[in-house]
Structures are given as C-alpha cells and as structure tokens.
C-alpha cells in the first residue's frame, strides 16, 4: 500500500458534503489491500459500517490522522 489512513482516524465531511447538506462523519475501523488499492472499513455516523476505497474517502472527507 502506498498511502494509508491509520485505523482509528476520524473522517469529517469536507466542503462538498457540507454544501450538499450531508454531515456524515466516520471512524476508520480496518483496512485491506485488494486489486484496486486499499479499502477501509468505516463506521459511519448514520449507523452502519461500509468498505470504502481510498479515493472515495479522500474525495468526500477530511482525514484527521492519529
């Protein structure tokens, strides 16, 4: 993995999400590397966890690393 987000990092909605009235935030719970690069298991504030690719996280969230 070239660039990783540490487990436990807080994901805060970026300007794009705030403009679209989406205030979802999350916490990185796990990481796996697959064919398309790293994916992160993120627990979202809307009540469930989901595997999200690195590029999507960077596009939608501000990452506060530990």
Protein backbone atom coordinates (compact mmCIF):
# COMPACT_ATOMS: atom_id res chain seq x y z
CA UNK A 1 0.00 0.00 0.00
CA UNK A 2 1.44 3.35 -0.99
CA UNK A 3 -0.66 5.76 1.07
CA UNK A 4 -2.63 4.55 4.07
CA UNK A 5 -5.04 6.02 6.57
CA UNK A 6 -4.36 4.74 10.09
CA UNK A 7 -7.02 2.73 11.91
CA UNK A 8 -8.87 4.99 14.35
CA UNK A 9 -8.65 8.09 12.14
CA UNK A 10 -11.63 10.43 12.24
CA UNK A 11 -13.32 11.33 8.94
CA UNK A 12 -15.04 14.72 8.89
CA UNK A 13 -17.25 15.77 5.94
CA UNK A 14 -15.45 18.10 3.52
CA UNK A 15 -16.81 21.25 1.88
CA UNK A 16 -18.52 19.29 -0.92
CA UNK A 17 -20.52 17.18 1.52
CA UNK A 18 -21.45 20.16 3.69
CA UNK A 19 -22.72 22.10 0.66
CA UNK A 20 -24.97 19.15 -0.17
CA UNK A 21 -26.28 19.01 3.43
CA UNK A 22 -24.58 15.69 4.14
CA UNK A 23 -22.99 15.85 7.58
CA UNK A 24 -21.98 12.19 7.82
CA UNK A 25 -18.72 11.52 9.63
CA UNK A 26 -16.91 8.27 10.30
CA UNK A 27 -14.12 6.36 12.01
CA UNK A 28 -11.72 4.01 10.21
CA UNK A 29 -12.13 0.53 11.74
CA UNK A 30 -10.00 -1.61 9.41
CA UNK A 31 -8.01 -1.71 6.21
CA UNK A 32 -7.43 -4.26 3.43
CA UNK A 33 -5.48 -4.13 0.20
CA UNK A 34 -7.16 -5.50 -2.91
CA UNK A 35 -6.71 -5.27 -6.69
CA UNK A 36 -7.83 -1.64 -6.87
CA UNK A 37 -5.82 -0.38 -3.91
CA UNK A 38 -6.58 0.00 -0.22
CA UNK A 39 -10.14 -0.14 1.08
CA UNK A 40 -11.15 0.94 4.55
CA UNK A 41 -13.88 -0.37 6.81
CA UNK A 42 -15.51 2.82 8.04
CA UNK A 43 -18.15 3.09 10.74
CA UNK A 44 -20.42 5.93 9.62
CA UNK A 45 -22.46 8.20 11.87
CA UNK A 46 -25.65 7.06 10.12
CA UNK A 47 -25.37 3.77 11.97
CA UNK A 48 -23.57 1.18 9.84
CA UNK A 49 -20.11 0.26 8.61
CA UNK A 50 -19.02 0.00 4.99
CA UNK A 51 -15.88 -0.78 2.98
CA UNK A 52 -14.85 2.43 1.18
CA UNK A 53 -11.94 2.81 -1.29
CA UNK A 54 -9.12 5.26 -0.54
CA UNK A 55 -10.02 7.62 -3.42
CA UNK A 56 -13.62 7.97 -2.23
CA UNK A 57 -12.51 8.81 1.30
CA UNK A 58 -10.11 11.49 0.03
CA UNK A 59 -12.84 12.96 -2.24
CA UNK A 60 -15.53 13.16 0.47
CA UNK A 61 -13.80 13.56 3.84
CA UNK A 62 -11.13 15.49 5.68
CA UNK A 63 -8.97 12.86 7.38
CA UNK A 64 -7.77 13.57 10.93
CA UNK A 65 -4.98 11.05 11.40
CA UNK A 66 -3.85 9.75 14.75
